[in-house]
Every structure is written in structure tokens, then in C-alpha cells.
Amino acid sequence: ALASSGVFPMVSARSPNVQVKALLELKDLANAKLESGDAEEAAEQYTVALLRLKEVAEEVQAAESQTLKALLLANRAQAHLKLQHWELALADCEACLKIQPDNAKALHRQSLAQHGLAEDERRRSHGEVLKQALFCKNAGNKLLTDRQFEAAIRKYSEGLEWIEDLDQIGRDTWIALRANRCQARLKCGLWSEALEDAEAILLKEPGHPKARYRRAKVLLELGRRQEAADALQQLDPSNEDVAELLRLVAAPAAPVPAAPAAEVPEVTELVHGHSRHGRHSRHGVQRSEEDAEAKRLLKEAEAAMETRKDFRLALKFADGASVELERLRAQDRREKARQLAQQLLAVHVLQVRCHLALKDFSAARELAQRALKLHRYEEERLEREFHMAAALRSCAAVVETMQAVVEASDALSSDIETVQATLRRLEKVDFTAPLRAALLVRRATLSSDGE
């Protein structure tokens, strides 16, 4: 059938030399197909020649048969390489090298096939890594939409861990993860961390518009107005968000009532929603040059919250105070340790109050948890490192209030019994009216569902 179809001539009745000549003609036909770019047809032709060689092997001298077989195998390996059939190419090269261990073409093509296989494996591995990173990105996006900002940050960070070792293939996903984590950190008021993400993106992609905008926004939140203004010059002023940020940068800072130099609001006063302006607290800490800025920011935050009811402005001042106090804490000095811990707790209480007023219960919960962790850590550290037993016992009201905020936030997704118990507990807790209102709505919804 093959003979009549013209695939190759009838050679079984011919002399060995004629048979070899016919096989070589088949090889030349396959070579021509390979040179013309038809690697698939060439591979089929080499296969036909190898099958025919097997049929007439007994009629051809052994050495000549093996030489021809090695040649056909090496050439078919080249066709498989063109088709990126790495395993088939490798098998042909290995079969050729068993006949001619020093065959230069087979050795070279074996190396190419091995490299192709390794590259395929790398791509498969990268594909799985990208799949996991994209899963984390999508999960983080949902959490961000649901205003679960810290959970979104964790999910974006997980995605970045998957993708950190990838090369250019994962670049776009890496940028997307960091850009989204930057946004989540902005929502949490984590200004320094958000700035880190924005600047990391701009190192890889200087023209990234969202990273530029968010960097400018963070700089403004940190009070670095001139840097924010410079960053905004690189953005399109016709964009609504950019135009609004430009307006905020250009607007003069709102005046804040001056605070008495020697006074700092007590943590317990902030818990109860008031402080004693204008008089020196018996337990107040005397002003010192090194923590004057933190005290000023805390007083301005309190004034913005209490006097003007501007909770967003209060959060900005509180975040600035937190950064300054953390810097001072890093100095680890005994004479300031207790005071700084109390002041940081005061900042967290104020931040929780602001988020509750803004009905951002997720952010309030996260900060309340942060305050509880800070209290536990600092009390243990003060006793361990400075031998101050129960140094923060005066902050018991803070602990109780922050625990109530966490439990109440969790109750927003709980059953009616938990909601009822939480509402009773919140009756004794100041500044939680927004939470109580949300819990009352939750109770009404659950009651209606029960009916």
C-alpha cells in the first residue's frame, strides 16, 4: 500500500544497495519537508523510513543499517525539537547515542530537549504559583470590598509570598498585589506601610498612576504637604480624585485650639469620652522636649474630635502621634517606658472612638485588638525589663472597654442571644452608641427572621 501510494518505492526485491538508496531518498524527502518548515510532515516521513529500515534490516549490512538508523533518529529528533515535543526528541537522541555515543548532532539536540523539558517544568511551576497568587489577589479584593481591611492585607501579603521568587512572568501580578495591599493599608491608616508599598511599585513601574496617587495621599496624611504636592504634579489634574487631593493639599491646615503645655489627656479620661481641658491633671506627665510633638498631636486629635467633631482629622493627628510615640518607644528608656505605653494606649482609644463615630466597625475592632495586645505586651515587658510590677493597672478601664468593642463587633454577625448579651454589656461602656445602634438593627433583623 505504501509503495502504491508513492510514499516510497518498492524495494524489497532489490539489492541491498538499492534498498539503502531508497531509504536515503526517503530521508532526503523528510529533510526537504523539515527545511521548508513542515516539521510535522518531516517527523512522519522519518518514522516511515525507520519502519522500512526495520523491515529490510536483514538484507542490509548490519553496520550500514545501524548508521542509517542513527542518522534517521537524529534527524527526527530535530523535527520533534521544532515541534517542541521535548520528550520525543530526547528519546530519539538517546536511541541515536546508544548506536553512536559521540554523535555531535544527537548530543547537541539532547541538550536542547533537556533544556526544553526543564523550561516546560518551570512554566508549569510558575503557572501554579501565579494561580495561587491570583487566588490570593481575588480573595483580598473581596475582603477589601467587604471593608475587612486587615484581613485583605494578610491575603495580599500571602499572594506576594507566593510570587516573590518569580521573574518577569509574575511582574504584573506582583504589582497588582502590592497596589491593592497599599489601598488596604490606607484604609487601615497604616500610612508608613502604605507608603512602602507605593514606593516599591514605583521602583518597578515609575509611571504607575494608582501608586503615584496613593503615595501622594499617604504623604498628605503624614503631614508632608510639599512632598504630596510635588507627587501630584505628575498626575492628571482633570481626574476627580486627583483634583480633590490637590484641593486638600492647597487648603491651609485647620487651626486647632492651643493645649496647655503641661497637660496630656489621661487614658481613662479618653475612655469615658472627656478630658479636663485647662487644668493640670494630678496624674499628668510633665512636658519634655523629646515627647512634645507626640503630646501636641494627641491634644490636637482630641480637640478635633471633641470640639469640631471632625473624626477624620482626629484620626490623622492620632496616627501622627502613634508614629512619634513608636519612635520614642524604640529608645527603650526606663524613665519613659510606662508613660509612653500609656500614651500609646490613649492614642489607640482615641482611634477606636473615631472609627466607631465613623461607623467603621471593622477598623475599630482591629485597633481595639491592637490596644489589647499592646497592653499585655507592655505590662509584661515593664515587669520583665524594668521590674515595674502591674505598671499599667490604671488602664483596667481601657482593657475592659476595648474587649467590649471587640466582642460587640463580633456580635454583629452572631445569633440573637449573643447580641442581647452584648447590648447589656455595652450599656456600661461610653462612646459605643454607633455599635449599640448597629446591634439593635441586628437584633431586629434576627427577630424578624425568627418570626
Protein backbone atom coordinates (compact mmCIF):
# COMPACT_ATOMS: atom_id res chain seq x y z
CA ALA A 1 0.00 0.00 0.00
CA LEU A 2 2.84 2.39 0.88
CA ALA A 3 4.58 1.54 -2.37
CA SER A 4 1.47 2.09 -4.49
CA SER A 5 0.71 5.37 -2.73
CA GLY A 6 4.13 6.70 -3.67
CA VAL A 7 5.30 7.29 -0.08
CA PHE A 8 8.43 5.34 -1.00
CA PRO A 9 9.38 2.97 -3.85
CA MET A 10 9.04 -0.81 -3.70
CA VAL A 11 12.49 -2.03 -2.58
CA SER A 12 12.05 -5.48 -1.02
CA ALA A 13 13.13 -7.32 -4.20
CA ARG A 14 16.08 -5.12 -4.91
CA SER A 15 19.72 -5.43 -3.94
CA PRO A 16 20.92 -4.11 -0.60
CA ASN A 17 22.47 -1.09 -2.29
CA VAL A 18 19.19 -0.24 -4.00
CA GLN A 19 17.32 -0.64 -0.72
CA VAL A 20 19.73 1.70 1.07
CA LYS A 21 19.43 4.17 -1.79
CA ALA A 22 15.63 4.12 -1.50
CA LEU A 23 15.82 4.76 2.26
CA LEU A 24 18.20 7.64 1.68
CA GLU A 25 15.70 9.10 -0.80
CA LEU A 26 13.07 8.92 1.93
CA LYS A 27 15.47 10.68 4.31
CA ASP A 28 16.10 13.41 1.73
CA LEU A 29 12.35 13.86 1.24
CA ALA A 30 11.90 14.27 5.01
CA ASN A 31 14.86 16.69 5.16
CA ALA A 32 13.23 18.82 2.47
CA LYS A 33 10.00 18.93 4.48
CA LEU A 34 11.94 19.96 7.58
CA GLU A 35 13.80 22.71 5.72
CA SER A 36 10.53 24.05 4.31
CA GLY A 37 9.16 24.40 7.84
CA ASP A 38 6.81 21.41 7.81
CA ALA A 39 8.30 19.71 10.86
CA GLU A 40 5.21 17.58 11.48
CA GLU A 41 5.29 16.04 7.99
CA ALA A 42 9.06 15.59 8.26
CA ALA A 43 8.69 13.66 11.53
CA GLU A 44 6.15 11.35 9.85
CA GLN A 45 8.48 10.76 6.90
CA TYR A 46 11.42 9.91 9.20
CA THR A 47 9.13 7.47 11.04
CA VAL A 48 8.15 5.79 7.75
CA ALA A 49 11.85 5.46 6.82
CA LEU A 50 12.69 3.94 10.20
CA LEU A 51 9.86 1.41 9.86
CA ARG A 52 11.03 0.48 6.36
CA LEU A 53 14.62 0.15 7.60
CA LYS A 54 13.40 -2.32 10.22
CA GLU A 55 11.67 -4.37 7.53
CA VAL A 56 14.78 -4.69 5.35
CA ALA A 57 17.40 -4.76 8.12
CA GLU A 58 18.28 -8.40 7.45
CA GLU A 59 19.02 -7.63 3.81
CA VAL A 60 21.34 -4.70 4.60
CA GLN A 61 24.74 -4.95 6.23
CA ALA A 62 24.47 -4.51 9.98
CA ALA A 63 26.91 -1.59 10.20
CA GLU A 64 25.24 0.21 7.34
CA SER A 65 21.79 -0.38 8.87
CA GLN A 66 22.84 1.00 12.26
CA THR A 67 24.47 4.05 10.69
CA LEU A 68 21.34 4.84 8.74
CA LYS A 69 19.15 4.28 11.81
CA ALA A 70 21.26 6.73 13.87
CA LEU A 71 21.01 9.31 11.08
CA LEU A 72 17.23 8.99 10.86
CA LEU A 73 16.82 9.15 14.64
CA ALA A 74 18.99 12.28 14.89
CA ASN A 75 17.03 13.96 12.12
CA ARG A 76 13.64 13.00 13.56
CA ALA A 77 14.83 14.42 16.90
CA GLN A 78 15.38 17.75 15.12
CA ALA A 79 11.82 17.64 13.78
CA HIS A 80 10.48 16.96 17.28
CA LEU A 81 12.52 19.88 18.61
CA LYS A 82 10.90 22.17 16.03
CA LEU A 83 7.51 20.96 17.28
CA GLN A 84 8.64 21.39 20.92
CA HIS A 85 7.94 17.71 21.54
CA TRP A 86 10.79 17.58 24.04
CA GLU A 87 10.23 14.07 25.37
CA LEU A 88 10.04 12.52 21.87
CA ALA A 89 13.14 14.44 20.81
CA LEU A 90 15.01 13.27 23.92
CA ALA A 91 14.02 9.65 23.31
CA ASP A 92 15.31 9.81 19.71
CA CYS A 93 18.60 11.40 20.81
CA GLU A 94 19.14 8.74 23.47
CA ALA A 95 18.39 5.97 20.96
CA CYS A 96 20.84 7.52 18.49
CA LEU A 97 23.56 7.84 21.15
CA LYS A 98 23.25 4.16 22.02
CA ILE A 99 24.35 3.47 18.45
CA GLN A 100 26.84 6.37 18.10
CA PRO A 101 27.80 7.71 21.55
CA ASP A 102 29.86 10.52 20.00
CA ASN A 103 27.24 11.75 17.52
CA ALA A 104 27.65 15.52 17.82
CA LYS A 105 24.21 16.40 16.47
CA ALA A 106 22.48 13.96 18.80
CA LEU A 107 24.43 15.28 21.79
CA HIS A 108 23.52 18.88 20.94
CA ARG A 109 19.86 18.06 20.34
CA GLN A 110 19.74 16.03 23.54
CA SER A 111 20.87 19.13 25.41
CA LEU A 112 18.20 21.24 23.67
CA ALA A 113 15.49 18.71 24.52
CA GLN A 114 16.55 18.61 28.17
CA HIS A 115 16.51 22.39 28.31
CA GLY A 116 13.05 22.44 26.73
CA LEU A 117 11.73 19.96 29.28
CA ALA A 118 13.20 21.99 32.14
CA GLU A 119 11.67 25.17 30.74
CA ASP A 120 8.27 23.48 30.48
CA GLU A 121 8.53 22.36 34.09
CA ARG A 122 9.50 25.87 35.14
CA ARG A 123 6.49 27.29 33.30
CA ARG A 124 4.19 24.73 34.91
CA SER A 125 5.61 25.63 38.30
CA HIS A 126 5.26 29.35 37.58
CA GLY A 127 1.73 28.74 36.37
CA GLU A 128 0.78 27.12 39.67
CA VAL A 129 2.47 29.91 41.62
CA LEU A 130 0.65 32.54 39.57
CA LYS A 131 -2.61 30.67 40.08
CA GLN A 132 -2.14 30.77 43.86
CA ALA A 133 -1.07 34.42 43.81
CA LEU A 134 -4.10 35.40 41.71
CA PHE A 135 -6.37 33.45 44.06
CA CYS A 136 -4.95 35.47 46.97
CA LYS A 137 -5.42 38.69 44.99
CA ASN A 138 -9.07 37.93 44.25
CA ALA A 139 -9.74 36.88 47.84
CA GLY A 140 -8.05 40.06 49.06
CA ASN A 141 -10.17 42.15 46.70
CA LYS A 142 -13.36 40.64 48.15
CA LEU A 143 -12.19 41.32 51.69
CA LEU A 144 -11.32 44.89 50.71
CA THR A 145 -14.79 45.37 49.23
CA ASP A 146 -16.27 43.98 52.47
CA ARG A 147 -14.17 46.53 54.41
CA GLN A 148 -12.21 43.76 56.16
CA PHE A 149 -9.05 45.73 55.60
CA GLU A 150 -6.55 43.91 57.81
CA ALA A 151 -7.73 40.52 56.53
CA ALA A 152 -7.27 41.88 53.00
CA ILE A 153 -3.73 42.98 53.87
CA ARG A 154 -2.92 39.48 55.10
CA LYS A 155 -4.31 37.89 51.94
CA TYR A 156 -2.38 40.26 49.64
CA SER A 157 0.78 39.56 51.66
CA GLU A 158 0.21 35.83 51.22
CA GLY A 159 -0.04 36.35 47.47
CA LEU A 160 3.21 38.30 47.47
CA GLU A 161 4.93 35.46 49.32
CA TRP A 162 3.86 33.06 46.55
CA ILE A 163 5.19 35.30 43.82
CA GLU A 164 8.34 36.78 45.36
CA ASP A 165 10.75 34.47 43.50
CA LEU A 166 9.18 34.80 40.06
CA ASP A 167 10.84 36.76 37.30
CA GLN A 168 9.20 38.95 34.65
CA ILE A 169 6.35 36.45 34.25
CA GLY A 170 4.91 37.41 37.64
CA ARG A 171 5.64 41.14 37.47
CA ASP A 172 2.10 42.30 36.70
CA THR A 173 0.59 40.16 39.46
CA TRP A 174 3.22 41.38 41.94
CA ILE A 175 2.37 45.00 41.10
CA ALA A 176 -1.38 44.34 41.40
CA LEU A 177 -0.95 42.68 44.80
CA ARG A 178 1.17 45.49 46.18
CA ALA A 179 -1.14 48.16 44.76
CA ASN A 180 -4.15 46.54 46.38
CA ARG A 181 -2.33 46.00 49.66
CA CYS A 182 -1.36 49.67 49.58
CA GLN A 183 -5.04 50.58 49.30
CA ALA A 184 -5.99 48.26 52.18
CA ARG A 185 -3.25 49.74 54.35
CA LEU A 186 -4.52 53.22 53.51
CA LYS A 187 -7.97 52.19 54.69
CA CYS A 188 -6.44 50.96 57.96
CA GLY A 189 -4.50 54.18 58.45
CA LEU A 190 -1.19 52.31 58.18
CA TRP A 191 0.48 55.25 56.49
CA SER A 192 4.13 54.14 56.65
CA GLU A 193 3.30 50.65 55.36
CA ALA A 194 1.14 52.05 52.56
CA LEU A 195 3.95 54.41 51.58
CA GLU A 196 6.36 51.47 51.46
CA ASP A 197 4.06 49.61 49.04
CA ALA A 198 3.53 52.63 46.79
CA GLU A 199 7.25 53.38 46.54
CA ALA A 200 8.11 49.72 45.89
CA ILE A 201 5.72 49.73 42.94
CA LEU A 202 7.16 52.98 41.58
CA LEU A 203 10.66 51.50 41.64
CA LYS A 204 9.49 48.84 39.18
CA GLU A 205 6.98 50.96 37.27
CA PRO A 206 7.61 54.70 37.75
CA GLY A 207 4.53 55.68 35.78
CA HIS A 208 2.02 53.56 37.74
CA PRO A 209 -0.86 56.07 38.24
CA LYS A 210 -2.51 54.42 41.26
CA ALA A 211 0.80 54.08 43.09
CA ARG A 212 1.59 57.75 42.38
CA TYR A 213 -1.83 58.86 43.62
CA ARG A 214 -1.72 56.72 46.75
CA ARG A 215 1.80 57.86 47.54
CA ALA A 216 0.63 61.48 47.36
CA LYS A 217 -2.36 60.64 49.55
CA VAL A 218 -0.16 58.99 52.20
CA LEU A 219 2.25 61.92 52.19
CA LEU A 220 -0.65 64.26 52.83
CA GLU A 221 -1.93 62.05 55.65
CA LEU A 222 1.55 62.15 57.19
CA GLY A 223 1.55 65.95 57.03
CA ARG A 224 4.24 66.08 54.33
CA ARG A 225 2.27 68.55 52.21
CA GLN A 226 5.04 69.78 49.94
CA GLU A 227 6.09 66.25 49.01
CA ALA A 228 2.43 65.40 48.36
CA ALA A 229 2.11 68.49 46.14
CA ASP A 230 5.25 67.53 44.19
CA ALA A 231 3.93 63.97 43.69
CA LEU A 232 0.57 65.25 42.44
CA GLN A 233 2.28 67.32 39.72
CA GLN A 234 2.95 64.03 37.92
CA LEU A 235 -0.78 63.16 37.74
CA ASP A 236 -3.66 64.30 35.54
CA PRO A 237 -5.35 67.25 37.31
CA SER A 238 -8.59 66.65 35.39
CA ASN A 239 -9.09 63.39 37.29
CA GLU A 240 -11.67 63.96 40.05
CA ASP A 241 -9.72 62.16 42.78
CA VAL A 242 -6.51 63.97 41.87
CA ALA A 243 -8.31 67.31 41.77
CA GLU A 244 -9.78 66.70 45.22
CA LEU A 245 -6.39 65.75 46.63
CA LEU A 246 -4.84 68.86 45.07
CA ARG A 247 -7.52 70.94 46.78
CA LEU A 248 -6.77 69.33 50.15
CA VAL A 249 -3.04 69.86 49.71
CA ALA A 250 -3.56 73.52 48.82
CA ALA A 251 -6.02 74.16 51.67
CA PRO A 252 -4.49 75.65 54.84
CA ALA A 253 -4.39 73.37 57.84
CA ALA A 254 -7.38 73.95 60.10
CA PRO A 255 -6.50 75.85 63.28
CA VAL A 256 -6.59 73.79 66.45
CA PRO A 257 -7.18 75.22 69.91
CA ALA A 258 -3.92 75.53 71.78
CA ALA A 259 -3.47 73.00 74.57
CA PRO A 260 -1.91 73.71 77.96
CA ALA A 261 1.74 72.81 77.82
CA ALA A 262 1.79 70.59 80.88
CA GLU A 263 -1.37 68.60 80.18
CA VAL A 264 -1.88 65.31 78.41
CA PRO A 265 -5.28 63.60 78.41
CA GLU A 266 -5.43 60.63 80.72
CA VAL A 267 -6.18 57.27 79.12
CA THR A 268 -9.13 56.75 81.46
CA GLU A 269 -10.50 60.18 80.52
CA LEU A 270 -10.44 59.26 76.84
CA VAL A 271 -12.26 56.01 77.64
CA HIS A 272 -15.03 57.96 79.34
CA GLY A 273 -15.24 60.39 76.44
CA HIS A 274 -13.92 63.54 78.09
CA SER A 275 -10.75 65.18 79.38
CA ARG A 276 -10.01 68.03 81.69
CA HIS A 277 -9.04 70.89 79.44
CA GLY A 278 -7.43 73.86 81.06
CA ARG A 279 -6.28 72.29 84.29
CA HIS A 280 -3.34 70.22 85.30
CA SER A 281 -4.14 66.56 85.93
CA ARG A 282 -2.86 65.16 89.19
CA HIS A 283 -1.52 62.16 87.30
CA GLY A 284 -0.44 64.13 84.22
CA VAL A 285 3.07 63.78 82.88
CA GLN A 286 5.18 66.92 82.70
CA ARG A 287 6.04 68.12 79.24
CA SER A 288 9.51 67.29 77.96
CA GLU A 289 11.15 68.38 74.76
CA GLU A 290 11.56 64.90 73.35
CA ASP A 291 7.88 63.92 73.51
CA ALA A 292 6.41 67.38 72.97
CA GLU A 293 5.41 66.60 69.38
CA ALA A 294 3.55 63.42 70.32
CA LYS A 295 1.70 65.27 73.08
CA ARG A 296 0.79 68.10 70.75
CA LEU A 297 -0.59 65.72 68.14
CA LEU A 298 -2.59 63.83 70.74
CA LYS A 299 -4.09 67.06 72.09
CA GLU A 300 -4.93 68.23 68.58
CA ALA A 301 -6.56 64.88 67.83
CA GLU A 302 -8.66 65.16 70.95
CA ALA A 303 -9.62 68.75 70.15
CA ALA A 304 -10.63 67.82 66.58
CA MET A 305 -12.80 65.04 67.94
CA GLU A 306 -14.36 66.79 70.92
CA THR A 307 -14.62 70.40 69.73
CA ARG A 308 -15.25 70.13 65.98
CA LYS A 309 -16.48 66.54 65.77
CA ASP A 310 -14.11 66.10 62.82
CA PHE A 311 -13.26 62.44 63.31
CA ARG A 312 -11.24 62.05 60.12
CA LEU A 313 -9.00 64.95 61.09
CA ALA A 314 -8.72 63.48 64.58
CA LEU A 315 -7.55 60.19 63.09
CA LYS A 316 -4.84 61.97 61.11
CA PHE A 317 -3.47 63.62 64.25
CA ALA A 318 -3.76 60.37 66.20
CA ASP A 319 -1.86 58.44 63.53
CA GLY A 320 0.91 61.05 63.64
CA ALA A 321 1.06 60.75 67.43
CA SER A 322 1.26 56.96 67.15
CA VAL A 323 4.23 57.15 64.76
CA GLU A 324 6.06 59.58 67.05
CA LEU A 325 5.41 57.50 70.18
CA GLU A 326 6.59 54.32 68.47
CA ARG A 327 9.81 56.11 67.60
CA LEU A 328 10.33 57.08 71.23
CA ARG A 329 9.48 53.57 72.43
CA ALA A 330 12.28 52.19 70.29
CA GLN A 331 14.76 54.07 72.52
CA ASP A 332 13.78 51.69 75.33
CA ARG A 333 14.43 54.04 78.26
CA ARG A 334 13.22 53.09 81.71
CA GLU A 335 12.14 56.55 82.83
CA LYS A 336 9.82 56.95 79.83
CA ALA A 337 8.64 53.36 79.28
CA ARG A 338 5.48 53.46 81.38
CA GLN A 339 4.48 56.92 80.19
CA LEU A 340 4.92 56.02 76.52
CA ALA A 341 2.89 52.84 76.92
CA GLN A 342 0.05 54.83 78.49
CA GLN A 343 0.20 57.46 75.77
CA LEU A 344 0.08 54.83 73.02
CA LEU A 345 -2.95 53.27 74.68
CA ALA A 346 -4.54 56.72 74.75
CA VAL A 347 -3.91 57.08 71.03
CA HIS A 348 -5.49 53.69 70.30
CA VAL A 349 -8.53 54.52 72.42
CA LEU A 350 -8.95 57.76 70.52
CA GLN A 351 -8.59 55.98 67.18
CA VAL A 352 -11.23 53.42 68.21
CA ARG A 353 -13.60 56.21 69.21
CA CYS A 354 -13.15 57.93 65.85
CA HIS A 355 -13.74 54.74 63.86
CA LEU A 356 -16.87 53.99 65.87
CA ALA A 357 -18.15 57.50 65.22
CA LEU A 358 -17.50 56.94 61.50
CA LYS A 359 -19.26 53.54 61.77
CA ASP A 360 -16.15 51.76 60.55
CA PHE A 361 -16.62 48.86 62.94
CA SER A 362 -14.04 46.60 61.28
CA ALA A 363 -11.29 49.21 61.73
CA ALA A 364 -12.45 49.88 65.30
CA ARG A 365 -12.23 46.18 66.10
CA GLU A 366 -8.74 45.85 64.65
CA LEU A 367 -7.47 48.84 66.65
CA ALA A 368 -9.15 47.60 69.82
CA GLN A 369 -7.34 44.30 69.38
CA ARG A 370 -4.12 46.19 68.82
CA ALA A 371 -4.66 48.11 72.07
CA LEU A 372 -5.26 44.87 74.00
CA LYS A 373 -2.10 43.30 72.56
CA LEU A 374 -0.12 46.44 73.38
CA HIS A 375 -1.39 46.42 76.97
CA ARG A 376 -0.44 42.76 77.51
CA TYR A 377 2.96 43.14 75.88
CA GLU A 378 3.90 46.36 77.66
CA GLU A 379 2.80 45.18 81.09
CA GLU A 380 4.90 42.02 80.72
CA ARG A 381 7.84 43.97 79.29
CA LEU A 382 7.80 46.63 82.01
CA GLU A 383 7.92 43.98 84.69
CA ARG A 384 10.48 41.80 82.91
CA GLU A 385 12.91 44.50 81.81
CA PHE A 386 12.35 47.32 84.31
CA HIS A 387 10.89 45.45 87.34
CA MET A 388 7.71 47.54 87.28
CA ALA A 389 5.02 45.24 88.64
CA ALA A 390 1.47 45.93 87.41
CA ALA A 391 2.71 49.16 85.85
CA LEU A 392 -0.44 49.62 83.76
CA ARG A 393 -3.03 48.68 86.38
CA SER A 394 -4.57 52.14 85.99
CA CYS A 395 -5.54 51.14 82.45
CA ALA A 396 -8.02 48.46 83.54
CA ALA A 397 -10.91 50.52 82.16
CA VAL A 398 -9.14 50.65 78.79
CA VAL A 399 -8.82 46.88 78.68
CA GLU A 400 -12.47 46.37 79.61
CA THR A 401 -13.66 48.86 77.01
CA MET A 402 -11.50 47.51 74.20
CA GLN A 403 -12.65 43.96 74.96
CA ALA A 404 -16.24 45.18 74.78
CA VAL A 405 -15.60 46.78 71.38
CA VAL A 406 -14.10 43.56 70.00
CA GLU A 407 -16.95 41.43 71.33
CA ALA A 408 -19.59 43.86 70.10
CA SER A 409 -18.05 43.97 66.63
CA ASP A 410 -18.05 40.17 66.52
CA ALA A 411 -21.66 40.11 67.71
CA LEU A 412 -22.73 41.96 64.57
CA SER A 413 -22.59 38.60 62.80
CA SER A 414 -23.76 36.43 65.75
CA ASP A 415 -27.06 34.96 66.95
CA ILE A 416 -29.73 36.86 68.83
CA GLU A 417 -28.67 35.58 72.27
CA THR A 418 -25.14 36.90 71.77
CA VAL A 419 -26.50 40.22 70.51
CA GLN A 420 -28.74 40.57 73.58
CA ALA A 421 -25.88 39.83 75.99
CA THR A 422 -23.58 42.26 74.20
CA LEU A 423 -26.16 45.03 74.28
CA ARG A 424 -26.48 44.64 78.03
CA ARG A 425 -22.72 44.88 78.43
CA LEU A 426 -22.47 47.98 76.24
CA GLU A 427 -24.89 49.85 78.49
CA LYS A 428 -21.94 50.47 80.84
CA VAL A 429 -19.47 51.43 78.10
CA ASP A 430 -19.10 55.01 76.91
CA PHE A 431 -18.84 56.21 73.28
CA THR A 432 -20.24 52.96 71.79
CA ALA A 433 -23.60 54.38 70.66
CA PRO A 434 -22.95 53.58 66.95
CA LEU A 435 -22.18 49.97 67.86
CA ARG A 436 -25.27 49.73 70.01
CA ALA A 437 -27.38 51.10 67.17
CA ALA A 438 -25.94 48.54 64.75
CA LEU A 439 -26.60 45.74 67.25
CA LEU A 440 -30.18 46.89 67.69
CA VAL A 441 -30.65 46.67 63.92
CA ARG A 442 -29.09 43.21 64.00
CA ARG A 443 -31.46 42.15 66.80
CA ALA A 444 -34.47 43.45 64.91
CA THR A 445 -33.38 41.60 61.76
CA LEU A 446 -32.87 38.33 63.65
CA SER A 447 -36.22 38.71 65.42
CA SER A 448 -37.96 39.30 62.10
CA ASP A 449 -36.26 36.25 60.57
CA GLY A 450 -37.35 34.17 63.56
CA GLU A 451 -40.99 35.13 63.02
